[in-house]
Amino acid sequence: MPFVQRRSRTVSRSTFTPSARLTVRFHTETKDFATFLIGNLTASPEIGEARFGIVEFATNSEVTSPLTTPVNAKLAVNGIVYSGGWTNTEQAIRNCTETLKDSTADEKSIVLLTDGAPTTFGEFATDRAPGCTAEGGPKDSPCREAAVTAADEAKALGINLATVLVSTISADGAFLEKNISSPDLYFPATNFSQLDLLVDDIVSRIDPCD
């Protein structure tokens, strides 16, 4: 989760590393995207003391790095090891919310990078959850309901939630756009090579300094 702070007003940002259900090649590309995004979020001369944190998720989710400098956040992203697993969107959102909830920032945002809809949920998940398909369905699966609840709770705390979806076999843009993202903060990509093209658009929409 990147957090950005200015001396006169504070802005907190939170980005996820991608779900670990990606191939190693795609995992590398998503890490490149995350570090590129961190750099662009702090490139504005109007933004002062930038701070970032990183959350990674697959079947489970963990805080890879608490609030830290952009340099250390990038190191944390690059240190993530591909593990494989399912997509626990609920716990990813909850971990980022936990990190952001006590922030005194004027603006707080989460950027969720994923390759599909949630396929498991819960803090102690060990496999794909009952009632949730490998493709991220069905429409009202407990995995989706848990993710929506976590997203709603984050938004209720004043946190903006942006989603970046790279289309794969389990992609469901409509679910992310309508149920997880804050208004106008859904960013689809048809493949991983397009991720860097989204950075400027993401920065312009979530940066209150622009």
N, C-alpha and C. Protein backbone atom coordinates (compact mmCIF):
# COMPACT_ATOMS: atom_id res chain seq x y z
N MET A 1 0.82 -1.18 0.00
CA MET A 1 0.00 0.00 0.00
C MET A 1 0.85 1.23 0.00
N PRO A 2 0.87 2.01 -1.06
CA PRO A 2 1.62 3.23 -0.98
C PRO A 2 0.87 4.28 -0.20
N PHE A 3 1.56 5.02 0.61
CA PHE A 3 0.99 6.18 1.29
C PHE A 3 1.79 7.38 0.83
N VAL A 4 1.11 8.46 0.50
CA VAL A 4 1.81 9.67 0.09
C VAL A 4 1.45 10.79 1.04
N GLN A 5 2.44 11.53 1.51
CA GLN A 5 2.19 12.62 2.45
C GLN A 5 2.79 13.92 1.93
N ARG A 6 2.04 15.01 2.12
CA ARG A 6 2.58 16.34 1.87
C ARG A 6 2.72 17.05 3.20
N ARG A 7 3.59 18.04 3.24
CA ARG A 7 3.83 18.73 4.50
C ARG A 7 2.60 19.50 4.97
N SER A 8 1.87 20.12 4.03
CA SER A 8 0.72 20.94 4.41
C SER A 8 -0.56 20.14 4.54
N ARG A 9 -0.68 19.07 3.78
CA ARG A 9 -1.82 18.18 3.91
C ARG A 9 -1.34 16.78 3.66
N THR A 10 -2.02 15.82 4.17
CA THR A 10 -1.53 14.44 4.11
C THR A 10 -2.41 13.60 3.20
N VAL A 11 -1.77 12.79 2.41
CA VAL A 11 -2.47 11.89 1.51
C VAL A 11 -1.93 10.49 1.75
N SER A 12 -2.80 9.54 2.02
CA SER A 12 -2.36 8.15 2.21
C SER A 12 -2.81 7.32 1.03
N ARG A 13 -1.91 6.52 0.51
CA ARG A 13 -2.24 5.66 -0.59
C ARG A 13 -1.87 4.23 -0.25
N SER A 14 -2.63 3.29 -0.74
CA SER A 14 -2.35 1.90 -0.44
C SER A 14 -2.48 1.06 -1.69
N THR A 15 -1.40 0.44 -2.16
CA THR A 15 -1.50 -0.43 -3.32
C THR A 15 -1.19 -1.85 -2.94
N PHE A 16 -1.87 -2.76 -3.62
CA PHE A 16 -1.61 -4.18 -3.44
C PHE A 16 -0.62 -4.65 -4.47
N THR A 17 0.19 -5.59 -4.11
CA THR A 17 0.86 -6.39 -5.11
C THR A 17 -0.18 -7.37 -5.63
N PRO A 18 0.09 -8.01 -6.77
CA PRO A 18 -0.93 -8.83 -7.40
C PRO A 18 -1.19 -10.14 -6.68
N SER A 19 -2.32 -10.73 -7.00
CA SER A 19 -2.60 -12.08 -6.54
C SER A 19 -1.52 -13.02 -7.03
N ALA A 20 -1.13 -13.96 -6.21
CA ALA A 20 -0.03 -14.86 -6.57
C ALA A 20 -0.48 -15.99 -7.49
N ARG A 21 -1.70 -15.94 -8.02
CA ARG A 21 -2.15 -16.97 -8.94
C ARG A 21 -1.63 -16.72 -10.35
N LEU A 22 -0.62 -15.92 -10.51
CA LEU A 22 -0.09 -15.57 -11.80
C LEU A 22 1.14 -16.43 -12.11
N THR A 23 1.48 -16.50 -13.40
CA THR A 23 2.72 -17.19 -13.75
C THR A 23 3.89 -16.33 -13.28
N VAL A 24 5.07 -16.93 -13.25
CA VAL A 24 6.24 -16.19 -12.79
C VAL A 24 6.49 -14.97 -13.67
N ARG A 25 6.33 -15.12 -14.97
CA ARG A 25 6.55 -14.00 -15.88
C ARG A 25 5.58 -12.86 -15.55
N PHE A 26 4.30 -13.19 -15.42
CA PHE A 26 3.32 -12.17 -15.10
C PHE A 26 3.58 -11.56 -13.72
N HIS A 27 4.06 -12.39 -12.81
CA HIS A 27 4.38 -11.90 -11.47
C HIS A 27 5.45 -10.82 -11.56
N THR A 28 6.46 -11.04 -12.39
CA THR A 28 7.52 -10.06 -12.58
C THR A 28 6.97 -8.78 -13.17
N GLU A 29 6.08 -8.91 -14.15
CA GLU A 29 5.50 -7.73 -14.79
C GLU A 29 4.64 -6.93 -13.82
N THR A 30 3.93 -7.61 -12.93
CA THR A 30 3.10 -6.88 -11.98
C THR A 30 3.96 -6.18 -10.92
N LYS A 31 5.08 -6.78 -10.56
CA LYS A 31 5.99 -6.11 -9.64
C LYS A 31 6.58 -4.86 -10.29
N ASP A 32 6.90 -4.96 -11.57
CA ASP A 32 7.39 -3.79 -12.30
C ASP A 32 6.34 -2.69 -12.30
N PHE A 33 5.08 -3.08 -12.51
CA PHE A 33 3.99 -2.11 -12.50
C PHE A 33 3.88 -1.43 -11.14
N ALA A 34 3.94 -2.21 -10.07
CA ALA A 34 3.80 -1.66 -8.72
C ALA A 34 4.89 -0.65 -8.41
N THR A 35 6.14 -0.97 -8.78
CA THR A 35 7.23 -0.03 -8.51
C THR A 35 7.11 1.21 -9.38
N PHE A 36 6.65 1.03 -10.62
CA PHE A 36 6.45 2.17 -11.52
C PHE A 36 5.35 3.08 -10.98
N LEU A 37 4.29 2.47 -10.46
CA LEU A 37 3.19 3.25 -9.90
C LEU A 37 3.65 4.05 -8.68
N ILE A 38 4.42 3.42 -7.80
CA ILE A 38 4.94 4.12 -6.62
C ILE A 38 5.76 5.33 -7.05
N GLY A 39 6.62 5.15 -8.05
CA GLY A 39 7.44 6.25 -8.53
C GLY A 39 6.61 7.39 -9.08
N ASN A 40 5.57 7.07 -9.85
CA ASN A 40 4.75 8.10 -10.46
C ASN A 40 3.85 8.80 -9.45
N LEU A 41 3.44 8.08 -8.42
CA LEU A 41 2.61 8.70 -7.38
C LEU A 41 3.38 9.73 -6.58
N THR A 42 4.69 9.62 -6.57
CA THR A 42 5.51 10.55 -5.78
C THR A 42 6.33 11.48 -6.66
N ALA A 43 6.05 11.48 -7.96
CA ALA A 43 6.85 12.29 -8.88
C ALA A 43 6.50 13.77 -8.82
N SER A 44 5.29 14.10 -8.39
CA SER A 44 4.86 15.50 -8.37
C SER A 44 5.67 16.29 -7.35
N PRO A 45 6.17 17.48 -7.76
CA PRO A 45 6.93 18.31 -6.81
C PRO A 45 6.06 18.83 -5.67
N GLU A 46 4.74 18.76 -5.81
CA GLU A 46 3.84 19.23 -4.76
C GLU A 46 3.74 18.24 -3.61
N ILE A 47 4.14 17.00 -3.85
CA ILE A 47 4.04 15.97 -2.82
C ILE A 47 5.36 15.90 -2.06
N GLY A 48 5.30 16.01 -0.76
CA GLY A 48 6.51 16.04 0.05
C GLY A 48 6.92 14.68 0.55
N GLU A 49 6.71 14.42 1.83
CA GLU A 49 7.21 13.20 2.47
C GLU A 49 6.33 12.01 2.12
N ALA A 50 6.72 11.30 1.09
CA ALA A 50 5.93 10.16 0.63
C ALA A 50 6.23 8.93 1.47
N ARG A 51 5.18 8.20 1.80
CA ARG A 51 5.32 6.96 2.56
C ARG A 51 4.44 5.89 1.91
N PHE A 52 4.94 4.68 1.84
CA PHE A 52 4.23 3.58 1.21
C PHE A 52 4.28 2.34 2.07
N GLY A 53 3.30 1.48 1.91
CA GLY A 53 3.31 0.16 2.50
C GLY A 53 2.88 -0.84 1.44
N ILE A 54 3.21 -2.09 1.62
CA ILE A 54 2.91 -3.12 0.62
C ILE A 54 2.18 -4.30 1.26
N VAL A 55 1.10 -4.74 0.61
CA VAL A 55 0.38 -5.94 1.02
C VAL A 55 0.39 -6.92 -0.15
N GLU A 56 0.72 -8.17 0.11
CA GLU A 56 0.65 -9.20 -0.93
C GLU A 56 -0.42 -10.20 -0.56
N PHE A 57 -0.98 -10.86 -1.59
CA PHE A 57 -2.03 -11.82 -1.29
C PHE A 57 -2.11 -12.89 -2.35
N ALA A 58 -2.50 -14.07 -1.88
CA ALA A 58 -2.83 -15.22 -2.71
C ALA A 58 -3.95 -15.93 -1.95
N THR A 59 -3.73 -17.18 -1.51
CA THR A 59 -4.71 -17.85 -0.66
C THR A 59 -4.85 -17.11 0.67
N ASN A 60 -3.74 -16.57 1.14
CA ASN A 60 -3.73 -15.72 2.34
C ASN A 60 -3.17 -14.36 1.98
N SER A 61 -3.19 -13.46 2.91
CA SER A 61 -2.68 -12.11 2.68
C SER A 61 -1.78 -11.72 3.85
N GLU A 62 -0.77 -10.94 3.56
CA GLU A 62 0.11 -10.46 4.61
C GLU A 62 0.64 -9.07 4.27
N VAL A 63 0.95 -8.31 5.31
CA VAL A 63 1.58 -7.01 5.13
C VAL A 63 3.06 -7.24 4.89
N THR A 64 3.49 -7.02 3.67
CA THR A 64 4.89 -7.23 3.32
C THR A 64 5.76 -6.13 3.89
N SER A 65 5.25 -4.92 3.89
CA SER A 65 5.99 -3.79 4.45
C SER A 65 5.00 -2.80 5.03
N PRO A 66 5.21 -2.35 6.26
CA PRO A 66 4.38 -1.27 6.81
C PRO A 66 4.77 0.05 6.16
N LEU A 67 4.20 1.12 6.65
CA LEU A 67 4.50 2.45 6.12
C LEU A 67 6.00 2.70 6.08
N THR A 68 6.50 3.08 4.90
CA THR A 68 7.93 3.27 4.73
C THR A 68 8.19 4.23 3.58
N THR A 69 9.44 4.45 3.24
CA THR A 69 9.80 5.36 2.16
C THR A 69 9.52 4.69 0.81
N PRO A 70 9.41 5.49 -0.26
CA PRO A 70 9.24 4.89 -1.59
C PRO A 70 10.35 3.91 -1.95
N VAL A 71 11.58 4.23 -1.59
CA VAL A 71 12.70 3.34 -1.90
C VAL A 71 12.52 1.99 -1.22
N ASN A 72 12.18 2.01 0.07
CA ASN A 72 12.00 0.76 0.80
C ASN A 72 10.76 0.00 0.33
N ALA A 73 9.74 0.74 -0.07
CA ALA A 73 8.53 0.07 -0.58
C ALA A 73 8.84 -0.67 -1.87
N LYS A 74 9.62 -0.07 -2.74
CA LYS A 74 10.02 -0.73 -3.98
C LYS A 74 10.85 -1.97 -3.69
N LEU A 75 11.73 -1.88 -2.72
CA LEU A 75 12.53 -3.04 -2.33
C LEU A 75 11.63 -4.16 -1.82
N ALA A 76 10.60 -3.79 -1.07
CA ALA A 76 9.67 -4.78 -0.54
C ALA A 76 8.93 -5.48 -1.68
N VAL A 77 8.49 -4.70 -2.66
CA VAL A 77 7.80 -5.28 -3.82
C VAL A 77 8.71 -6.25 -4.55
N ASN A 78 9.93 -5.83 -4.81
CA ASN A 78 10.87 -6.67 -5.57
C ASN A 78 11.30 -7.91 -4.79
N GLY A 79 11.12 -7.89 -3.48
CA GLY A 79 11.48 -9.05 -2.67
C GLY A 79 10.40 -10.09 -2.56
N ILE A 80 9.22 -9.82 -3.10
CA ILE A 80 8.12 -10.79 -3.02
C ILE A 80 8.43 -12.00 -3.89
N VAL A 81 8.22 -13.17 -3.35
CA VAL A 81 8.50 -14.42 -4.07
C VAL A 81 7.18 -15.04 -4.53
N TYR A 82 7.12 -15.44 -5.78
CA TYR A 82 5.93 -16.07 -6.33
C TYR A 82 5.62 -17.36 -5.57
N SER A 83 4.37 -17.50 -5.11
CA SER A 83 4.02 -18.66 -4.31
C SER A 83 2.88 -19.49 -4.88
N GLY A 84 2.11 -18.93 -5.79
CA GLY A 84 0.93 -19.63 -6.27
C GLY A 84 -0.18 -19.59 -5.23
N GLY A 85 -1.37 -20.04 -5.61
CA GLY A 85 -2.47 -20.04 -4.67
C GLY A 85 -3.74 -19.49 -5.27
N TRP A 86 -4.74 -19.25 -4.41
CA TRP A 86 -6.03 -18.71 -4.83
C TRP A 86 -6.05 -17.21 -4.63
N THR A 87 -7.22 -16.59 -4.73
CA THR A 87 -7.31 -15.12 -4.68
C THR A 87 -8.18 -14.70 -3.50
N ASN A 88 -7.53 -14.26 -2.44
CA ASN A 88 -8.24 -13.86 -1.22
C ASN A 88 -8.37 -12.34 -1.19
N THR A 89 -9.27 -11.84 -2.02
CA THR A 89 -9.46 -10.40 -2.13
C THR A 89 -9.91 -9.79 -0.81
N GLU A 90 -10.76 -10.49 -0.08
CA GLU A 90 -11.27 -9.97 1.19
C GLU A 90 -10.14 -9.65 2.16
N GLN A 91 -9.23 -10.59 2.37
CA GLN A 91 -8.16 -10.37 3.34
C GLN A 91 -7.16 -9.33 2.85
N ALA A 92 -6.96 -9.24 1.54
CA ALA A 92 -6.08 -8.20 1.01
C ALA A 92 -6.63 -6.82 1.34
N ILE A 93 -7.93 -6.63 1.12
CA ILE A 93 -8.55 -5.34 1.43
C ILE A 93 -8.50 -5.07 2.92
N ARG A 94 -8.77 -6.09 3.72
CA ARG A 94 -8.77 -5.90 5.17
C ARG A 94 -7.38 -5.52 5.69
N ASN A 95 -6.33 -6.14 5.16
CA ASN A 95 -4.99 -5.80 5.60
C ASN A 95 -4.62 -4.36 5.24
N CYS A 96 -5.01 -3.94 4.05
CA CYS A 96 -4.73 -2.55 3.67
C CYS A 96 -5.55 -1.58 4.51
N THR A 97 -6.80 -1.93 4.77
CA THR A 97 -7.65 -1.06 5.59
C THR A 97 -7.08 -0.93 6.99
N GLU A 98 -6.61 -2.03 7.54
CA GLU A 98 -6.03 -2.02 8.89
C GLU A 98 -4.82 -1.08 8.94
N THR A 99 -4.05 -1.08 7.88
CA THR A 99 -2.87 -0.24 7.83
C THR A 99 -3.24 1.24 7.70
N LEU A 100 -4.34 1.51 7.00
CA LEU A 100 -4.73 2.89 6.72
C LEU A 100 -5.66 3.52 7.75
N LYS A 101 -6.37 2.71 8.50
CA LYS A 101 -7.50 3.23 9.26
C LYS A 101 -7.12 4.27 10.31
N ASP A 102 -5.92 4.21 10.86
CA ASP A 102 -5.51 5.16 11.88
C ASP A 102 -4.74 6.35 11.31
N SER A 103 -4.63 6.39 9.99
CA SER A 103 -3.92 7.49 9.36
C SER A 103 -4.71 8.79 9.52
N THR A 104 -4.01 9.88 9.73
CA THR A 104 -4.64 11.20 9.84
C THR A 104 -4.62 11.93 8.50
N ALA A 105 -4.34 11.22 7.44
CA ALA A 105 -4.24 11.83 6.12
C ALA A 105 -5.57 12.41 5.66
N ASP A 106 -5.50 13.43 4.81
CA ASP A 106 -6.70 14.01 4.22
C ASP A 106 -7.29 13.08 3.17
N GLU A 107 -6.44 12.35 2.48
CA GLU A 107 -6.88 11.41 1.44
C GLU A 107 -6.22 10.06 1.67
N LYS A 108 -7.01 8.99 1.58
CA LYS A 108 -6.47 7.64 1.73
C LYS A 108 -7.00 6.79 0.58
N SER A 109 -6.12 6.04 -0.06
CA SER A 109 -6.52 5.22 -1.21
C SER A 109 -5.86 3.86 -1.18
N ILE A 110 -6.58 2.89 -1.69
CA ILE A 110 -6.07 1.54 -1.90
C ILE A 110 -6.10 1.29 -3.41
N VAL A 111 -5.03 0.69 -3.94
CA VAL A 111 -5.01 0.26 -5.34
C VAL A 111 -4.85 -1.25 -5.34
N LEU A 112 -5.88 -1.95 -5.80
CA LEU A 112 -5.89 -3.41 -5.83
C LEU A 112 -5.56 -3.89 -7.24
N LEU A 113 -4.48 -4.63 -7.37
CA LEU A 113 -4.08 -5.22 -8.65
C LEU A 113 -4.35 -6.72 -8.60
N THR A 114 -5.20 -7.20 -9.50
CA THR A 114 -5.60 -8.61 -9.45
C THR A 114 -5.81 -9.16 -10.85
N ASP A 115 -5.81 -10.49 -10.96
CA ASP A 115 -6.06 -11.13 -12.25
C ASP A 115 -7.45 -11.75 -12.29
N GLY A 116 -8.28 -11.51 -11.30
CA GLY A 116 -9.62 -12.08 -11.37
C GLY A 116 -10.44 -11.89 -10.11
N ALA A 117 -11.60 -12.48 -10.12
CA ALA A 117 -12.52 -12.39 -8.99
C ALA A 117 -12.04 -13.27 -7.84
N PRO A 118 -12.50 -13.01 -6.61
CA PRO A 118 -12.04 -13.79 -5.45
C PRO A 118 -12.46 -15.25 -5.51
N THR A 119 -11.55 -16.12 -5.06
CA THR A 119 -11.83 -17.56 -5.07
C THR A 119 -11.71 -18.19 -3.68
N THR A 120 -11.33 -17.38 -2.69
CA THR A 120 -11.33 -17.86 -1.31
C THR A 120 -11.47 -16.65 -0.39
N PHE A 121 -11.64 -16.89 0.89
CA PHE A 121 -11.78 -15.78 1.84
C PHE A 121 -11.46 -16.28 3.23
N GLY A 122 -11.32 -15.33 4.16
CA GLY A 122 -11.04 -15.69 5.55
C GLY A 122 -9.56 -15.60 5.88
N GLU A 123 -9.29 -15.27 7.13
CA GLU A 123 -7.92 -15.08 7.58
C GLU A 123 -7.09 -16.35 7.54
N PHE A 124 -7.74 -17.50 7.71
CA PHE A 124 -7.01 -18.76 7.79
C PHE A 124 -7.33 -19.68 6.61
N ALA A 125 -7.59 -19.11 5.45
CA ALA A 125 -7.90 -19.92 4.26
C ALA A 125 -6.72 -20.81 3.90
N THR A 126 -7.03 -22.01 3.44
CA THR A 126 -5.99 -22.95 3.03
C THR A 126 -6.19 -23.47 1.61
N ASP A 127 -7.36 -23.20 1.02
CA ASP A 127 -7.67 -23.72 -0.30
C ASP A 127 -8.80 -22.88 -0.88
N ARG A 128 -9.24 -23.22 -2.07
CA ARG A 128 -10.42 -22.57 -2.62
C ARG A 128 -11.60 -22.82 -1.70
N ALA A 129 -12.36 -21.77 -1.42
CA ALA A 129 -13.45 -21.87 -0.44
C ALA A 129 -14.65 -22.61 -1.01
N PRO A 130 -15.37 -23.37 -0.18
CA PRO A 130 -16.60 -24.03 -0.62
C PRO A 130 -17.59 -23.00 -1.15
N GLY A 131 -18.23 -23.32 -2.25
CA GLY A 131 -19.20 -22.42 -2.85
C GLY A 131 -18.60 -21.39 -3.77
N CYS A 132 -17.27 -21.45 -3.98
CA CYS A 132 -16.59 -20.50 -4.86
C CYS A 132 -15.89 -21.29 -5.97
N THR A 133 -16.16 -20.96 -7.21
CA THR A 133 -15.55 -21.69 -8.31
C THR A 133 -14.14 -21.20 -8.58
N ALA A 134 -13.37 -21.99 -9.33
CA ALA A 134 -12.00 -21.61 -9.68
C ALA A 134 -11.98 -20.38 -10.58
N GLU A 135 -13.11 -20.07 -11.22
CA GLU A 135 -13.20 -18.90 -12.11
C GLU A 135 -13.70 -17.66 -11.38
N GLY A 136 -13.90 -17.74 -10.07
CA GLY A 136 -14.32 -16.57 -9.32
C GLY A 136 -15.81 -16.41 -9.18
N GLY A 137 -16.57 -17.42 -9.47
CA GLY A 137 -18.03 -17.35 -9.34
C GLY A 137 -18.49 -18.21 -8.18
N PRO A 138 -19.80 -18.42 -8.12
CA PRO A 138 -20.87 -17.79 -8.90
C PRO A 138 -21.11 -16.35 -8.46
N LYS A 139 -22.14 -15.74 -9.01
CA LYS A 139 -22.39 -14.31 -8.79
C LYS A 139 -22.47 -13.94 -7.31
N ASP A 140 -23.14 -14.75 -6.52
CA ASP A 140 -23.33 -14.44 -5.10
C ASP A 140 -22.54 -15.39 -4.21
N SER A 141 -21.34 -15.76 -4.63
CA SER A 141 -20.52 -16.69 -3.87
C SER A 141 -20.09 -16.06 -2.55
N PRO A 142 -19.80 -16.88 -1.52
CA PRO A 142 -19.31 -16.32 -0.25
C PRO A 142 -18.00 -15.57 -0.41
N CYS A 143 -17.19 -15.95 -1.39
CA CYS A 143 -15.92 -15.24 -1.63
C CYS A 143 -16.19 -13.81 -2.09
N ARG A 144 -17.15 -13.68 -2.99
CA ARG A 144 -17.50 -12.33 -3.47
C ARG A 144 -18.15 -11.52 -2.37
N GLU A 145 -19.06 -12.13 -1.64
CA GLU A 145 -19.76 -11.40 -0.57
C GLU A 145 -18.77 -10.90 0.48
N ALA A 146 -17.79 -11.73 0.83
CA ALA A 146 -16.79 -11.33 1.82
C ALA A 146 -15.95 -10.16 1.30
N ALA A 147 -15.59 -10.21 0.01
CA ALA A 147 -14.81 -9.12 -0.58
C ALA A 147 -15.60 -7.82 -0.62
N VAL A 148 -16.88 -7.91 -0.94
CA VAL A 148 -17.73 -6.71 -0.98
C VAL A 148 -17.86 -6.10 0.41
N THR A 149 -18.04 -6.94 1.41
CA THR A 149 -18.15 -6.44 2.78
C THR A 149 -16.87 -5.71 3.20
N ALA A 150 -15.72 -6.30 2.87
CA ALA A 150 -14.44 -5.66 3.21
C ALA A 150 -14.27 -4.34 2.48
N ALA A 151 -14.68 -4.31 1.21
CA ALA A 151 -14.57 -3.08 0.42
C ALA A 151 -15.49 -2.00 0.98
N ASP A 152 -16.72 -2.37 1.33
CA ASP A 152 -17.68 -1.41 1.88
C ASP A 152 -17.17 -0.82 3.20
N GLU A 153 -16.56 -1.67 4.02
CA GLU A 153 -16.03 -1.19 5.30
C GLU A 153 -14.87 -0.22 5.09
N ALA A 154 -14.04 -0.49 4.08
CA ALA A 154 -12.93 0.42 3.78
C ALA A 154 -13.46 1.77 3.32
N LYS A 155 -14.44 1.74 2.43
CA LYS A 155 -15.02 2.99 1.92
C LYS A 155 -15.71 3.78 3.02
N ALA A 156 -16.33 3.07 3.96
CA ALA A 156 -17.01 3.74 5.07
C ALA A 156 -16.03 4.51 5.95
N LEU A 157 -14.76 4.12 5.91
CA LEU A 157 -13.72 4.82 6.67
C LEU A 157 -13.11 5.96 5.86
N GLY A 158 -13.67 6.23 4.69
CA GLY A 158 -13.17 7.32 3.87
C GLY A 158 -12.01 6.94 2.98
N ILE A 159 -11.82 5.66 2.74
CA ILE A 159 -10.72 5.18 1.90
C ILE A 159 -11.22 4.99 0.47
N ASN A 160 -10.53 5.58 -0.49
CA ASN A 160 -10.84 5.33 -1.90
C ASN A 160 -10.27 3.98 -2.31
N LEU A 161 -10.99 3.25 -3.12
CA LEU A 161 -10.55 1.91 -3.51
C LEU A 161 -10.52 1.82 -5.03
N ALA A 162 -9.33 1.75 -5.58
CA ALA A 162 -9.15 1.59 -7.02
C ALA A 162 -8.80 0.13 -7.32
N THR A 163 -9.31 -0.39 -8.43
CA THR A 163 -8.98 -1.75 -8.83
C THR A 163 -8.35 -1.75 -10.22
N VAL A 164 -7.33 -2.57 -10.38
CA VAL A 164 -6.67 -2.76 -11.66
C VAL A 164 -6.81 -4.23 -12.01
N LEU A 165 -7.54 -4.52 -13.07
CA LEU A 165 -7.80 -5.91 -13.46
C LEU A 165 -7.06 -6.25 -14.73
N VAL A 166 -6.24 -7.29 -14.67
CA VAL A 166 -5.63 -7.85 -15.86
C VAL A 166 -6.46 -9.06 -16.26
N SER A 167 -7.06 -9.01 -17.44
CA SER A 167 -8.00 -10.04 -17.85
C SER A 167 -7.33 -11.39 -18.02
N THR A 168 -7.86 -12.39 -17.32
CA THR A 168 -7.44 -13.77 -17.47
C THR A 168 -8.70 -14.62 -17.48
N ILE A 169 -8.59 -15.93 -17.34
CA ILE A 169 -9.77 -16.79 -17.42
C ILE A 169 -10.75 -16.54 -16.29
N SER A 170 -10.27 -15.99 -15.17
CA SER A 170 -11.16 -15.76 -14.03
C SER A 170 -11.54 -14.29 -13.87
N ALA A 171 -11.29 -13.50 -14.93
CA ALA A 171 -11.53 -12.07 -14.81
C ALA A 171 -13.03 -11.77 -14.79
N ASP A 172 -13.41 -10.83 -13.96
CA ASP A 172 -14.79 -10.36 -13.91
C ASP A 172 -14.76 -8.87 -13.62
N GLY A 173 -14.62 -8.08 -14.68
CA GLY A 173 -14.53 -6.65 -14.52
C GLY A 173 -15.77 -6.03 -13.95
N ALA A 174 -16.94 -6.55 -14.33
CA ALA A 174 -18.19 -5.97 -13.85
C ALA A 174 -18.29 -6.06 -12.33
N PHE A 175 -17.86 -7.19 -11.76
CA PHE A 175 -17.90 -7.36 -10.31
C PHE A 175 -17.00 -6.35 -9.62
N LEU A 176 -15.77 -6.22 -10.11
CA LEU A 176 -14.83 -5.29 -9.49
C LEU A 176 -15.30 -3.85 -9.64
N GLU A 177 -15.77 -3.52 -10.82
CA GLU A 177 -16.17 -2.13 -11.08
C GLU A 177 -17.40 -1.73 -10.26
N LYS A 178 -18.39 -2.61 -10.19
CA LYS A 178 -19.65 -2.26 -9.54
C LYS A 178 -19.65 -2.49 -8.04
N ASN A 179 -18.88 -3.48 -7.58
CA ASN A 179 -18.99 -3.89 -6.18
C ASN A 179 -17.77 -3.59 -5.31
N ILE A 180 -16.61 -3.42 -5.92
CA ILE A 180 -15.39 -3.23 -5.15
C ILE A 180 -14.84 -1.81 -5.30
N SER A 181 -14.75 -1.31 -6.50
CA SER A 181 -14.12 -0.02 -6.76
C SER A 181 -14.97 1.15 -6.28
N SER A 182 -14.29 2.23 -5.92
CA SER A 182 -14.95 3.52 -5.76
C SER A 182 -15.31 4.04 -7.15
N PRO A 183 -16.23 5.00 -7.24
CA PRO A 183 -16.64 5.52 -8.56
C PRO A 183 -15.47 6.00 -9.40
N ASP A 184 -15.45 5.55 -10.67
CA ASP A 184 -14.43 5.96 -11.64
C ASP A 184 -13.03 5.50 -11.29
N LEU A 185 -12.91 4.49 -10.43
CA LEU A 185 -11.58 4.00 -10.06
C LEU A 185 -11.39 2.53 -10.43
N TYR A 186 -11.94 2.14 -11.57
CA TYR A 186 -11.73 0.79 -12.11
C TYR A 186 -10.90 0.91 -13.38
N PHE A 187 -9.81 0.12 -13.45
CA PHE A 187 -8.87 0.23 -14.56
C PHE A 187 -8.60 -1.15 -15.15
N PRO A 188 -9.20 -1.48 -16.30
CA PRO A 188 -8.97 -2.79 -16.92
C PRO A 188 -7.77 -2.79 -17.87
N ALA A 189 -7.10 -3.92 -17.94
CA ALA A 189 -6.02 -4.14 -18.91
C ALA A 189 -6.23 -5.50 -19.54
N THR A 190 -6.06 -5.59 -20.85
CA THR A 190 -6.30 -6.87 -21.52
C THR A 190 -5.13 -7.83 -21.35
N ASN A 191 -3.94 -7.30 -21.03
CA ASN A 191 -2.80 -8.17 -20.75
C ASN A 191 -1.81 -7.41 -19.89
N PHE A 192 -0.84 -8.12 -19.37
CA PHE A 192 0.10 -7.54 -18.42
C PHE A 192 1.02 -6.51 -19.05
N SER A 193 1.24 -6.61 -20.36
CA SER A 193 2.11 -5.64 -21.02
C SER A 193 1.47 -4.26 -21.09
N GLN A 194 0.17 -4.17 -20.86
CA GLN A 194 -0.53 -2.89 -20.90
C GLN A 194 -0.54 -2.17 -19.55
N LEU A 195 -0.05 -2.81 -18.50
CA LEU A 195 -0.16 -2.23 -17.16
C LEU A 195 0.48 -0.84 -17.06
N ASP A 196 1.68 -0.69 -17.61
CA ASP A 196 2.38 0.58 -17.48
C ASP A 196 1.61 1.71 -18.15
N LEU A 197 0.79 1.36 -19.17
CA LEU A 197 0.02 2.38 -19.87
C LEU A 197 -1.09 2.96 -18.99
N LEU A 198 -1.44 2.23 -17.92
CA LEU A 198 -2.51 2.68 -17.04
C LEU A 198 -2.02 3.63 -15.94
N VAL A 199 -0.72 3.69 -15.72
CA VAL A 199 -0.19 4.40 -14.56
C VAL A 199 -0.60 5.86 -14.54
N ASP A 200 -0.42 6.57 -15.66
CA ASP A 200 -0.75 7.99 -15.68
C ASP A 200 -2.23 8.23 -15.39
N ASP A 201 -3.08 7.36 -15.92
CA ASP A 201 -4.53 7.50 -15.69
C ASP A 201 -4.86 7.27 -14.21
N ILE A 202 -4.24 6.25 -13.62
CA ILE A 202 -4.47 5.96 -12.20
C ILE A 202 -4.01 7.14 -11.34
N VAL A 203 -2.82 7.63 -11.61
CA VAL A 203 -2.27 8.74 -10.83
C VAL A 203 -3.16 9.96 -10.94
N SER A 204 -3.63 10.28 -12.14
CA SER A 204 -4.43 11.48 -12.33
C SER A 204 -5.77 11.39 -11.61
N ARG A 205 -6.31 10.18 -11.46
CA ARG A 205 -7.63 10.04 -10.84
C ARG A 205 -7.57 9.96 -9.32
N ILE A 206 -6.48 9.45 -8.78
CA ILE A 206 -6.45 9.31 -7.31
C ILE A 206 -5.56 10.34 -6.64
N ASP A 207 -4.88 11.19 -7.42
CA ASP A 207 -4.00 12.18 -6.84
C ASP A 207 -4.76 13.49 -6.61
N PRO A 208 -5.08 13.85 -5.38
CA PRO A 208 -5.81 15.09 -5.11
C PRO A 208 -4.99 16.34 -5.37
N CYS A 209 -3.70 16.17 -5.63
CA CYS A 209 -2.85 17.34 -5.91
C CYS A 209 -3.00 17.78 -7.35
N ASP A 210 -3.54 16.92 -8.21
CA ASP A 210 -3.67 17.28 -9.63
C ASP A 210 -4.86 18.20 -9.83
